[in-house]
């Protein structure tokens, strides 16, 4: 659990976070930096940069091409048409692309991590689909309270179809991963490790926990310090945790050593936290986290790895 304590820096109130207990937190996650109590919002936390750089776009194009190959339109269309639509209409994130980039950094071949990147796309699309399904209203709407037609969101399929399709995307993602195993035991062990990694990142102590806490935050009327603390906790498990998962999975499938895997895990975590901080307006803390991310890449540069491409994941603001 993260707890906050009030500090004053140059006369400005600041909240510093520290780990009260690491029981449910992976050991690699560092203590969050100080977060100035300025703009506090409860908007959607997960958003990818609006404009992808060429390297990111190249990785994303390869992932989508692979998904279209393994998930073509075919009979029965009542199954595959909504599946295809929901996967390719879901918001893009940099998590799957970072998975490929990490694998490419270590092995020189981005396609070694393609199954993991594709699985991440499917699981995140399933999560987004479930999140967008309208919940049953607590009470009947008042007369004349129905929104105008131009404000209603377009739905290609009914909520029931989207719910079932989202459920189907999850096992399909793990099926893609399991099929990527070959007769080499070493590769099978890597794939099994990746399956465990992804399950934890999107499961009850990862993304699902972040979504639940985001819901609680939207219902809360607490003070600013409470909101900042919760937002930081959500960031750690949402953007931070997902990007850490993507980078570490790519490193595993790229044949990285334990130290390389952990360094890329931390790099991914920092990349995700930067995105979350930018979204929430924590501008002063972004430069600190960017320095931490570059520090992890310095290890690879010192070992004659070309880090120019993967460093583009660090947002320049």
C-alpha atoms as a PDB file:
ATOM      1  CA  UNK A   1       0.000   0.000   0.000  1.00  0.00           C
ATOM      2  CA  UNK A   2       1.214   3.502  -0.807  1.00  0.00           C
ATOM      3  CA  UNK A   3       0.945   6.167   1.843  1.00  0.00           C
ATOM      4  CA  UNK A   4       1.508   9.896   1.419  1.00  0.00           C
ATOM      5  CA  UNK A   5       3.114  12.440   3.699  1.00  0.00           C
ATOM      6  CA  UNK A   6       3.000  16.196   3.363  1.00  0.00           C
ATOM      7  CA  UNK A   7       6.218  17.993   2.473  1.00  0.00           C
ATOM      8  CA  UNK A   8       6.854  21.615   1.592  1.00  0.00           C
ATOM      9  CA  UNK A   9       9.310  22.395  -1.177  1.00  0.00           C
ATOM     10  CA  UNK A  10       9.935  26.062  -1.868  1.00  0.00           C
ATOM     11  CA  UNK A  11       6.769  26.820   0.027  1.00  0.00           C
ATOM     12  CA  UNK A  12       4.618  24.599  -2.193  1.00  0.00           C
ATOM     13  CA  UNK A  13       2.666  21.637  -0.750  1.00  0.00           C
ATOM     14  CA  UNK A  14       3.901  18.345  -2.136  1.00  0.00           C
ATOM     15  CA  UNK A  15       2.946  14.738  -1.492  1.00  0.00           C
ATOM     16  CA  UNK A  16       5.736  12.163  -1.190  1.00  0.00           C
ATOM     17  CA  UNK A  17       4.834   8.501  -1.523  1.00  0.00           C
ATOM     18  CA  UNK A  18       6.529   5.576   0.101  1.00  0.00           C
ATOM     19  CA  UNK A  19       5.801   1.865   0.307  1.00  0.00           C
ATOM     20  CA  UNK A  20       4.153   0.971   3.580  1.00  0.00           C
ATOM     21  CA  UNK A  21       3.957  -2.666   2.549  1.00  0.00           C
ATOM     22  CA  UNK A  22       5.277  -4.498  -0.491  1.00  0.00           C
ATOM     23  CA  UNK A  23       3.103  -7.562   0.094  1.00  0.00           C
ATOM     24  CA  UNK A  24       1.108  -7.079  -3.097  1.00  0.00           C
ATOM     25  CA  UNK A  25       3.646  -5.090  -5.087  1.00  0.00           C
ATOM     26  CA  UNK A  26       6.419  -6.515  -7.301  1.00  0.00           C
ATOM     27  CA  UNK A  27       9.838  -5.759  -5.850  1.00  0.00           C
ATOM     28  CA  UNK A  28      11.031  -4.000  -9.005  1.00  0.00           C
ATOM     29  CA  UNK A  29       8.577  -1.111  -8.634  1.00  0.00           C
ATOM     30  CA  UNK A  30      10.433   1.891  -7.165  1.00  0.00           C
ATOM     31  CA  UNK A  31       8.973   4.404  -4.800  1.00  0.00           C
ATOM     32  CA  UNK A  32       6.930   6.997  -6.724  1.00  0.00           C
ATOM     33  CA  UNK A  33       8.449  10.430  -6.981  1.00  0.00           C
ATOM     34  CA  UNK A  34       7.014  13.484  -5.269  1.00  0.00           C
ATOM     35  CA  UNK A  35       3.800  14.624  -6.881  1.00  0.00           C
ATOM     36  CA  UNK A  36       2.796  18.242  -6.684  1.00  0.00           C
ATOM     37  CA  UNK A  37      -0.822  18.731  -5.744  1.00  0.00           C
ATOM     38  CA  UNK A  38      -2.043  20.655  -8.740  1.00  0.00           C
ATOM     39  CA  UNK A  39      -4.413  19.273 -11.341  1.00  0.00           C
ATOM     40  CA  UNK A  40      -6.399  16.314 -10.028  1.00  0.00           C
ATOM     41  CA  UNK A  41      -8.693  14.520 -12.447  1.00  0.00           C
ATOM     42  CA  UNK A  42     -10.615  11.288 -12.574  1.00  0.00           C
ATOM     43  CA  UNK A  43     -10.593  10.862 -16.334  1.00  0.00           C
ATOM     44  CA  UNK A  44      -9.616   7.679 -18.128  1.00  0.00           C
ATOM     45  CA  UNK A  45      -6.052   6.864 -17.177  1.00  0.00           C
ATOM     46  CA  UNK A  46      -4.864   4.729 -20.100  1.00  0.00           C
ATOM     47  CA  UNK A  47      -4.135   6.633 -23.321  1.00  0.00           C
ATOM     48  CA  UNK A  48      -1.393   6.183 -25.853  1.00  0.00           C
ATOM     49  CA  UNK A  49       0.407   9.203 -27.322  1.00  0.00           C
ATOM     50  CA  UNK A  50      -1.845  10.775 -29.926  1.00  0.00           C
ATOM     51  CA  UNK A  51       0.835  10.753 -32.615  1.00  0.00           C
ATOM     52  CA  UNK A  52       3.062   7.704 -32.929  1.00  0.00           C
ATOM     53  CA  UNK A  53       6.674   8.140 -33.961  1.00  0.00           C
ATOM     54  CA  UNK A  54       7.831   6.197 -37.066  1.00  0.00           C
ATOM     55  CA  UNK A  55       9.415   3.384 -35.047  1.00  0.00           C
ATOM     56  CA  UNK A  56       6.275   2.866 -32.971  1.00  0.00           C
ATOM     57  CA  UNK A  57       4.150   2.979 -36.117  1.00  0.00           C
ATOM     58  CA  UNK A  58       6.339   0.336 -37.763  1.00  0.00           C
ATOM     59  CA  UNK A  59       5.989  -1.979 -34.770  1.00  0.00           C
ATOM     60  CA  UNK A  60       2.232  -1.431 -34.573  1.00  0.00           C
ATOM     61  CA  UNK A  61       1.835  -2.129 -38.296  1.00  0.00           C
ATOM     62  CA  UNK A  62       3.674  -5.447 -37.947  1.00  0.00           C
ATOM     63  CA  UNK A  63       1.484  -6.457 -34.998  1.00  0.00           C
ATOM     64  CA  UNK A  64      -1.736  -5.617 -36.821  1.00  0.00           C
ATOM     65  CA  UNK A  65      -0.593  -7.463 -39.945  1.00  0.00           C
ATOM     66  CA  UNK A  66       0.131 -10.539 -37.828  1.00  0.00           C
ATOM     67  CA  UNK A  67      -3.254 -10.335 -36.116  1.00  0.00           C
ATOM     68  CA  UNK A  68      -5.069 -10.045 -39.437  1.00  0.00           C
ATOM     69  CA  UNK A  69      -3.217 -13.172 -40.580  1.00  0.00           C
ATOM     70  CA  UNK A  70      -4.094 -15.269 -37.511  1.00  0.00           C
ATOM     71  CA  UNK A  71      -7.580 -13.783 -37.112  1.00  0.00           C
ATOM     72  CA  UNK A  72      -9.039 -13.423 -40.631  1.00  0.00           C
ATOM     73  CA  UNK A  73     -12.680 -12.964 -41.541  1.00  0.00           C
ATOM     74  CA  UNK A  74     -14.054 -16.494 -41.818  1.00  0.00           C
ATOM     75  CA  UNK A  75     -17.076 -18.564 -40.983  1.00  0.00           C
ATOM     76  CA  UNK A  76     -18.902 -18.321 -38.715  1.00  0.00           C
ATOM     77  CA  UNK A  77     -19.025 -14.576 -39.347  1.00  0.00           C
ATOM     78  CA  UNK A  78     -21.264 -14.062 -36.313  1.00  0.00           C
ATOM     79  CA  UNK A  79     -18.184 -14.950 -34.248  1.00  0.00           C
ATOM     80  CA  UNK A  80     -15.258 -13.544 -36.209  1.00  0.00           C
ATOM     81  CA  UNK A  81     -16.800 -10.291 -37.445  1.00  0.00           C
ATOM     82  CA  UNK A  82     -17.352  -8.797 -33.963  1.00  0.00           C
ATOM     83  CA  UNK A  83     -14.008 -10.201 -32.803  1.00  0.00           C
ATOM     84  CA  UNK A  84     -12.214  -8.507 -35.698  1.00  0.00           C
ATOM     85  CA  UNK A  85     -14.097  -5.250 -35.168  1.00  0.00           C
ATOM     86  CA  UNK A  86     -13.501  -5.017 -31.418  1.00  0.00           C
ATOM     87  CA  UNK A  87      -9.786  -5.775 -31.691  1.00  0.00           C
ATOM     88  CA  UNK A  88      -9.037  -3.238 -34.410  1.00  0.00           C
ATOM     89  CA  UNK A  89     -11.347  -0.506 -33.122  1.00  0.00           C
ATOM     90  CA  UNK A  90      -9.938  -0.567 -29.577  1.00  0.00           C
ATOM     91  CA  UNK A  91      -7.663   2.342 -28.577  1.00  0.00           C
ATOM     92  CA  UNK A  92      -4.008   1.745 -29.388  1.00  0.00           C
ATOM     93  CA  UNK A  93      -1.468   1.669 -26.582  1.00  0.00           C
ATOM     94  CA  UNK A  94       2.320   1.460 -26.748  1.00  0.00           C
ATOM     95  CA  UNK A  95       2.430  -1.686 -24.578  1.00  0.00           C
ATOM     96  CA  UNK A  96       2.487  -4.295 -27.411  1.00  0.00           C
ATOM     97  CA  UNK A  97       4.932  -2.235 -29.477  1.00  0.00           C
ATOM     98  CA  UNK A  98       7.274  -1.950 -26.504  1.00  0.00           C
ATOM     99  CA  UNK A  99       7.175  -5.734 -26.221  1.00  0.00           C
ATOM    100  CA  UNK A 100       8.471  -6.053 -29.786  1.00  0.00           C
ATOM    101  CA  UNK A 101      11.031  -3.297 -29.253  1.00  0.00           C
ATOM    102  CA  UNK A 102      12.490  -5.026 -26.185  1.00  0.00           C
ATOM    103  CA  UNK A 103      12.796  -8.304 -28.052  1.00  0.00           C
ATOM    104  CA  UNK A 104      14.405  -6.560 -31.011  1.00  0.00           C
ATOM    105  CA  UNK A 105      16.885  -4.776 -28.756  1.00  0.00           C
ATOM    106  CA  UNK A 106      18.215  -8.070 -27.391  1.00  0.00           C
ATOM    107  CA  UNK A 107      17.865 -10.491 -30.298  1.00  0.00           C
ATOM    108  CA  UNK A 108      17.801  -8.247 -33.360  1.00  0.00           C
ATOM    109  CA  UNK A 109      14.538  -9.934 -34.410  1.00  0.00           C
ATOM    110  CA  UNK A 110      11.301  -8.264 -33.355  1.00  0.00           C
ATOM    111  CA  UNK A 111       9.221 -11.213 -34.521  1.00  0.00           C
ATOM    112  CA  UNK A 112      10.458 -13.428 -31.696  1.00  0.00           C
ATOM    113  CA  UNK A 113       8.091 -11.506 -29.427  1.00  0.00           C
ATOM    114  CA  UNK A 114       5.233 -11.215 -31.926  1.00  0.00           C
ATOM    115  CA  UNK A 115       2.985 -13.772 -30.210  1.00  0.00           C
ATOM    116  CA  UNK A 116       3.301 -11.964 -26.880  1.00  0.00           C
ATOM    117  CA  UNK A 117       2.661  -8.565 -28.446  1.00  0.00           C
ATOM    118  CA  UNK A 118      -0.414  -9.913 -30.246  1.00  0.00           C
ATOM    119  CA  UNK A 119      -1.702 -11.508 -27.061  1.00  0.00           C
ATOM    120  CA  UNK A 120      -1.337  -8.171 -25.271  1.00  0.00           C
ATOM    121  CA  UNK A 121      -3.378  -6.474 -28.000  1.00  0.00           C
ATOM    122  CA  UNK A 122      -6.144  -9.058 -27.621  1.00  0.00           C
ATOM    123  CA  UNK A 123      -6.259  -8.928 -23.823  1.00  0.00           C
ATOM    124  CA  UNK A 124      -6.229  -5.130 -23.728  1.00  0.00           C
ATOM    125  CA  UNK A 125      -8.962  -5.042 -26.394  1.00  0.00           C
ATOM    126  CA  UNK A 126     -11.032  -7.457 -24.287  1.00  0.00           C
ATOM    127  CA  UNK A 127     -10.525  -5.291 -21.244  1.00  0.00           C
ATOM    128  CA  UNK A 128     -11.524  -2.145 -23.133  1.00  0.00           C
ATOM    129  CA  UNK A 129     -14.604  -3.902 -24.520  1.00  0.00           C
ATOM    130  CA  UNK A 130     -15.765  -4.943 -21.055  1.00  0.00           C
ATOM    131  CA  UNK A 131     -15.084  -1.467 -19.700  1.00  0.00           C
ATOM    132  CA  UNK A 132     -17.267   0.153 -22.365  1.00  0.00           C
ATOM    133  CA  UNK A 133     -20.286  -2.094 -21.880  1.00  0.00           C
ATOM    134  CA  UNK A 134     -23.000   0.074 -20.286  1.00  0.00           C
ATOM    135  CA  UNK A 135     -23.958  -0.923 -16.782  1.00  0.00           C
ATOM    136  CA  UNK A 136     -27.548  -1.212 -15.649  1.00  0.00           C
ATOM    137  CA  UNK A 137     -28.765   2.131 -14.266  1.00  0.00           C
ATOM    138  CA  UNK A 138     -29.443   2.237 -10.529  1.00  0.00           C
ATOM    139  CA  UNK A 139     -32.818   3.857 -11.108  1.00  0.00           C
ATOM    140  CA  UNK A 140     -35.125   4.725 -13.962  1.00  0.00           C
ATOM    141  CA  UNK A 141     -34.150   7.960 -15.746  1.00  0.00           C
ATOM    142  CA  UNK A 142     -36.300  10.974 -15.141  1.00  0.00           C
ATOM    143  CA  UNK A 143     -38.623  12.124 -17.941  1.00  0.00           C
ATOM    144  CA  UNK A 144     -36.942  14.220 -20.646  1.00  0.00           C
ATOM    145  CA  UNK A 145     -33.500  13.124 -19.398  1.00  0.00           C
ATOM    146  CA  UNK A 146     -32.701  10.963 -22.422  1.00  0.00           C
ATOM    147  CA  UNK A 147     -29.663  12.327 -24.289  1.00  0.00           C
ATOM    148  CA  UNK A 148     -29.966  13.718 -27.771  1.00  0.00           C
ATOM    149  CA  UNK A 149     -29.179  11.296 -30.573  1.00  0.00           C
ATOM    150  CA  UNK A 150     -26.009  13.130 -31.603  1.00  0.00           C
ATOM    151  CA  UNK A 151     -24.504  12.573 -28.146  1.00  0.00           C
ATOM    152  CA  UNK A 152     -25.066   8.812 -28.081  1.00  0.00           C
ATOM    153  CA  UNK A 153     -22.050   6.651 -28.830  1.00  0.00           C
ATOM    154  CA  UNK A 154     -22.280   4.329 -31.808  1.00  0.00           C
ATOM    155  CA  UNK A 155     -22.222   0.599 -31.048  1.00  0.00           C
ATOM    156  CA  UNK A 156     -21.658  -1.828 -33.908  1.00  0.00           C
ATOM    157  CA  UNK A 157     -22.889  -4.767 -31.821  1.00  0.00           C
ATOM    158  CA  UNK A 158     -25.179  -5.278 -28.869  1.00  0.00           C
ATOM    159  CA  UNK A 159     -23.708  -5.271 -25.341  1.00  0.00           C
ATOM    160  CA  UNK A 160     -24.370  -9.008 -25.080  1.00  0.00           C
ATOM    161  CA  UNK A 161     -22.345  -9.757 -28.214  1.00  0.00           C
ATOM    162  CA  UNK A 162     -19.539  -7.476 -27.056  1.00  0.00           C
ATOM    163  CA  UNK A 163     -19.459  -9.140 -23.643  1.00  0.00           C
ATOM    164  CA  UNK A 164     -19.185 -12.644 -25.093  1.00  0.00           C
ATOM    165  CA  UNK A 165     -16.682 -11.570 -27.745  1.00  0.00           C
ATOM    166  CA  UNK A 166     -14.504  -9.893 -25.147  1.00  0.00           C
ATOM    167  CA  UNK A 167     -14.592 -13.100 -23.126  1.00  0.00           C
ATOM    168  CA  UNK A 168     -13.475 -15.019 -26.216  1.00  0.00           C
ATOM    169  CA  UNK A 169     -10.513 -12.732 -26.922  1.00  0.00           C
ATOM    170  CA  UNK A 170      -8.802 -13.631 -23.642  1.00  0.00           C
ATOM    171  CA  UNK A 171      -8.317 -17.375 -24.228  1.00  0.00           C
ATOM    172  CA  UNK A 172      -7.505 -16.686 -27.877  1.00  0.00           C
ATOM    173  CA  UNK A 173      -4.626 -14.474 -26.775  1.00  0.00           C
ATOM    174  CA  UNK A 174      -3.193 -17.219 -24.595  1.00  0.00           C
ATOM    175  CA  UNK A 175      -3.756 -19.717 -27.415  1.00  0.00           C
ATOM    176  CA  UNK A 176      -1.550 -17.622 -29.699  1.00  0.00           C
ATOM    177  CA  UNK A 177       1.157 -17.632 -27.054  1.00  0.00           C
ATOM    178  CA  UNK A 178       0.990 -21.370 -26.435  1.00  0.00           C
ATOM    179  CA  UNK A 179       1.156 -22.096 -30.170  1.00  0.00           C
ATOM    180  CA  UNK A 180       4.392 -20.138 -30.399  1.00  0.00           C
ATOM    181  CA  UNK A 181       6.190 -22.863 -28.419  1.00  0.00           C
ATOM    182  CA  UNK A 182       8.440 -25.126 -30.458  1.00  0.00           C
ATOM    183  CA  UNK A 183      10.317 -28.343 -29.759  1.00  0.00           C
ATOM    184  CA  UNK A 184      13.124 -26.453 -28.017  1.00  0.00           C
ATOM    185  CA  UNK A 185      12.609 -26.680 -24.249  1.00  0.00           C
ATOM    186  CA  UNK A 186      14.267 -23.331 -23.641  1.00  0.00           C
ATOM    187  CA  UNK A 187      11.728 -21.533 -25.810  1.00  0.00           C
ATOM    188  CA  UNK A 188       8.823 -23.360 -24.161  1.00  0.00           C
ATOM    189  CA  UNK A 189      10.051 -22.236 -20.750  1.00  0.00           C
ATOM    190  CA  UNK A 190      10.222 -18.639 -21.958  1.00  0.00           C
ATOM    191  CA  UNK A 191       6.676 -18.762 -23.316  1.00  0.00           C
ATOM    192  CA  UNK A 192       5.358 -20.229 -20.062  1.00  0.00           C
ATOM    193  CA  UNK A 193       7.081 -17.450 -18.151  1.00  0.00           C
ATOM    194  CA  UNK A 194       5.512 -14.851 -20.445  1.00  0.00           C
ATOM    195  CA  UNK A 195       2.046 -16.348 -19.934  1.00  0.00           C
ATOM    196  CA  UNK A 196       2.481 -15.992 -16.176  1.00  0.00           C
ATOM    197  CA  UNK A 197       3.794 -12.442 -16.574  1.00  0.00           C
ATOM    198  CA  UNK A 198       0.836 -11.303 -18.675  1.00  0.00           C
ATOM    199  CA  UNK A 199      -1.690 -13.050 -16.418  1.00  0.00           C
ATOM    200  CA  UNK A 200      -0.378 -11.142 -13.425  1.00  0.00           C
ATOM    201  CA  UNK A 201      -0.273  -7.785 -15.210  1.00  0.00           C
ATOM    202  CA  UNK A 202      -3.886  -7.910 -16.411  1.00  0.00           C
ATOM    203  CA  UNK A 203      -5.274  -9.876 -13.472  1.00  0.00           C
ATOM    204  CA  UNK A 204      -6.795  -9.099 -10.100  1.00  0.00           C
ATOM    205  CA  UNK A 205      -3.616  -7.543  -8.691  1.00  0.00           C
ATOM    206  CA  UNK A 206      -2.810  -5.629 -11.871  1.00  0.00           C
ATOM    207  CA  UNK A 207      -5.073  -3.956 -14.419  1.00  0.00           C
ATOM    208  CA  UNK A 208      -8.327  -5.214 -12.862  1.00  0.00           C
ATOM    209  CA  UNK A 209      -7.284  -3.800  -9.499  1.00  0.00           C
ATOM    210  CA  UNK A 210      -6.443  -0.460 -11.162  1.00  0.00           C
ATOM    211  CA  UNK A 211      -9.858  -0.330 -12.810  1.00  0.00           C
ATOM    212  CA  UNK A 212     -11.626  -1.066  -9.540  1.00  0.00           C
ATOM    213  CA  UNK A 213      -9.656   1.669  -7.781  1.00  0.00           C
ATOM    214  CA  UNK A 214     -10.401   4.047 -10.641  1.00  0.00           C
ATOM    215  CA  UNK A 215     -14.101   3.361 -10.118  1.00  0.00           C
ATOM    216  CA  UNK A 216     -13.769   4.033  -6.395  1.00  0.00           C
ATOM    217  CA  UNK A 217     -11.921   7.253  -7.190  1.00  0.00           C
ATOM    218  CA  UNK A 218     -14.731   8.410  -9.462  1.00  0.00           C
ATOM    219  CA  UNK A 219     -17.191   7.843  -6.610  1.00  0.00           C
ATOM    220  CA  UNK A 220     -14.994   9.518  -3.996  1.00  0.00           C
ATOM    221  CA  UNK A 221     -15.412  13.018  -2.602  1.00  0.00           C
ATOM    222  CA  UNK A 222     -12.163  12.902  -0.608  1.00  0.00           C
ATOM    223  CA  UNK A 223      -9.519  15.593  -0.408  1.00  0.00           C
ATOM    224  CA  UNK A 224      -6.751  16.297  -2.892  1.00  0.00           C
ATOM    225  CA  UNK A 225      -4.107  14.277  -1.077  1.00  0.00           C
ATOM    226  CA  UNK A 226      -6.359  11.222  -1.116  1.00  0.00           C
ATOM    227  CA  UNK A 227      -6.970  11.647  -4.848  1.00  0.00           C
ATOM    228  CA  UNK A 228      -3.294  12.077  -5.704  1.00  0.00           C
ATOM    229  CA  UNK A 229      -2.366   8.981  -3.729  1.00  0.00           C
ATOM    230  CA  UNK A 230      -5.004   6.907  -5.487  1.00  0.00           C
ATOM    231  CA  UNK A 231      -4.113   8.249  -8.916  1.00  0.00           C
ATOM    232  CA  UNK A 232      -0.476   7.301  -8.393  1.00  0.00           C
ATOM    233  CA  UNK A 233      -1.483   3.818  -7.257  1.00  0.00           C
ATOM    234  CA  UNK A 234      -3.663   3.429 -10.351  1.00  0.00           C
ATOM    235  CA  UNK A 235      -0.812   4.590 -12.602  1.00  0.00           C
ATOM    236  CA  UNK A 236       1.554   2.022 -11.119  1.00  0.00           C
ATOM    237  CA  UNK A 237      -0.739  -0.869 -11.956  1.00  0.00           C
ATOM    238  CA  UNK A 238      -2.199   0.522 -15.162  1.00  0.00           C
ATOM    239  CA  UNK A 239       0.321   2.334 -17.365  1.00  0.00           C
ATOM    240  CA  UNK A 240       3.349   1.419 -15.278  1.00  0.00           C
ATOM    241  CA  UNK A 241       2.502  -2.231 -14.743  1.00  0.00           C
ATOM    242  CA  UNK A 242       1.346  -2.888 -18.301  1.00  0.00           C
ATOM    243  CA  UNK A 243       4.421  -1.326 -19.899  1.00  0.00           C
ATOM    244  CA  UNK A 244       6.676  -3.167 -17.450  1.00  0.00           C
ATOM    245  CA  UNK A 245       4.953  -6.374 -18.509  1.00  0.00           C
ATOM    246  CA  UNK A 246       5.331  -5.619 -22.227  1.00  0.00           C
ATOM    247  CA  UNK A 247       9.031  -4.797 -21.962  1.00  0.00           C
ATOM    248  CA  UNK A 248       9.879  -7.765 -19.756  1.00  0.00           C
ATOM    249  CA  UNK A 249       7.975 -10.210 -21.991  1.00  0.00           C
ATOM    250  CA  UNK A 250       9.877  -8.966 -25.022  1.00  0.00           C
ATOM    251  CA  UNK A 251      13.140  -9.335 -23.110  1.00  0.00           C
ATOM    252  CA  UNK A 252      12.281 -12.894 -22.078  1.00  0.00           C
ATOM    253  CA  UNK A 253      11.438 -13.975 -25.618  1.00  0.00           C
ATOM    254  CA  UNK A 254      14.486 -12.135 -26.918  1.00  0.00           C
ATOM    255  CA  UNK A 255      16.710 -14.371 -24.798  1.00  0.00           C
ATOM    256  CA  UNK A 256      17.712 -11.726 -22.282  1.00  0.00           C
ATOM    257  CA  UNK A 257      19.620 -12.444 -19.099  1.00  0.00           C
ATOM    258  CA  UNK A 258      17.922 -11.911 -15.755  1.00  0.00           C
ATOM    259  CA  UNK A 259      19.599  -8.536 -15.387  1.00  0.00           C
ATOM    260  CA  UNK A 260      18.537  -7.484 -18.885  1.00  0.00           C
ATOM    261  CA  UNK A 261      14.963  -8.579 -18.216  1.00  0.00           C
ATOM    262  CA  UNK A 262      14.767  -6.643 -14.969  1.00  0.00           C
ATOM    263  CA  UNK A 263      16.319  -3.518 -16.451  1.00  0.00           C
ATOM    264  CA  UNK A 264      13.851  -3.538 -19.322  1.00  0.00           C
ATOM    265  CA  UNK A 265      11.048  -4.201 -16.860  1.00  0.00           C
ATOM    266  CA  UNK A 266      12.020  -1.051 -14.973  1.00  0.00           C
ATOM    267  CA  UNK A 267      12.406   0.869 -18.231  1.00  0.00           C
ATOM    268  CA  UNK A 268       8.896  -0.168 -19.256  1.00  0.00           C
ATOM    269  CA  UNK A 269       7.528   0.844 -15.870  1.00  0.00           C
ATOM    270  CA  UNK A 270       9.072   4.303 -16.201  1.00  0.00           C
ATOM    271  CA  UNK A 271       7.732   4.676 -19.762  1.00  0.00           C
ATOM    272  CA  UNK A 272       4.227   3.900 -18.518  1.00  0.00           C
ATOM    273  CA  UNK A 273       4.530   6.224 -15.550  1.00  0.00           C
ATOM    274  CA  UNK A 274       5.675   9.045 -17.823  1.00  0.00           C
ATOM    275  CA  UNK A 275       2.551   8.583 -19.937  1.00  0.00           C
ATOM    276  CA  UNK A 276       0.350   8.555 -16.839  1.00  0.00           C
ATOM    277  CA  UNK A 277       2.000  11.656 -15.395  1.00  0.00           C
ATOM    278  CA  UNK A 278       1.622  13.533 -18.678  1.00  0.00           C
ATOM    279  CA  UNK A 279      -2.069  12.581 -18.805  1.00  0.00           C
ATOM    280  CA  UNK A 280      -2.618  13.818 -15.253  1.00  0.00           C
ATOM    281  CA  UNK A 281      -0.589  17.013 -15.592  1.00  0.00           C
ATOM    282  CA  UNK A 282       2.242  16.067 -13.215  1.00  0.00           C
ATOM    283  CA  UNK A 283       4.724  17.884 -15.431  1.00  0.00           C
ATOM    284  CA  UNK A 284       7.471  18.576 -12.923  1.00  0.00           C
ATOM    285  CA  UNK A 285       7.892  14.892 -12.105  1.00  0.00           C
ATOM    286  CA  UNK A 286       8.145  13.747 -15.737  1.00  0.00           C
ATOM    287  CA  UNK A 287      11.761  14.864 -16.183  1.00  0.00           C
ATOM    288  CA  UNK A 288      12.818  12.924 -13.076  1.00  0.00           C
ATOM    289  CA  UNK A 289      11.252   9.703 -14.348  1.00  0.00           C
ATOM    290  CA  UNK A 290      12.678  10.249 -17.836  1.00  0.00           C
ATOM    291  CA  UNK A 291      16.160  10.365 -16.297  1.00  0.00           C
ATOM    292  CA  UNK A 292      15.474   7.059 -14.549  1.00  0.00           C
ATOM    293  CA  UNK A 293      14.357   5.499 -17.836  1.00  0.00           C
ATOM    294  CA  UNK A 294      17.465   6.679 -19.682  1.00  0.00           C
ATOM    295  CA  UNK A 295      19.588   5.327 -16.834  1.00  0.00           C
ATOM    296  CA  UNK A 296      18.257   1.815 -17.467  1.00  0.00           C
ATOM    297  CA  UNK A 297      19.026   2.124 -21.176  1.00  0.00           C
ATOM    298  CA  UNK A 298      22.571   3.248 -20.425  1.00  0.00           C
ATOM    299  CA  UNK A 299      23.362  -0.306 -19.284  1.00  0.00           C
ATOM    300  CA  UNK A 300      22.533  -1.631 -22.758  1.00  0.00           C
ATOM    301  CA  UNK A 301      24.415   1.170 -24.460  1.00  0.00           C
ATOM    302  CA  UNK A 302      27.473   0.358 -22.373  1.00  0.00           C
ATOM    303  CA  UNK A 303      27.165  -3.223 -23.619  1.00  0.00           C
ATOM    304  CA  UNK A 304      27.190  -2.140 -27.261  1.00  0.00           C
ATOM    305  CA  UNK A 305      23.428  -2.287 -27.818  1.00  0.00           C
ATOM    306  CA  UNK A 306      21.782   0.243 -30.093  1.00  0.00           C
ATOM    307  CA  UNK A 307      19.200   1.944 -27.891  1.00  0.00           C
ATOM    308  CA  UNK A 308      18.230   4.768 -30.231  1.00  0.00           C
ATOM    309  CA  UNK A 309      15.027   3.081 -31.421  1.00  0.00           C
ATOM    310  CA  UNK A 310      13.656   1.960 -28.071  1.00  0.00           C
ATOM    311  CA  UNK A 311      14.535   5.293 -26.455  1.00  0.00           C
ATOM    312  CA  UNK A 312      11.840   6.879 -28.658  1.00  0.00           C
ATOM    313  CA  UNK A 313       9.275   5.408 -26.260  1.00  0.00           C
ATOM    314  CA  UNK A 314      10.287   8.026 -23.740  1.00  0.00           C
ATOM    315  CA  UNK A 315       7.937  10.934 -24.363  1.00  0.00           C
ATOM    316  CA  UNK A 316       9.641  14.231 -25.119  1.00  0.00           C
ATOM    317  CA  UNK A 317       7.720  16.984 -23.396  1.00  0.00           C
END
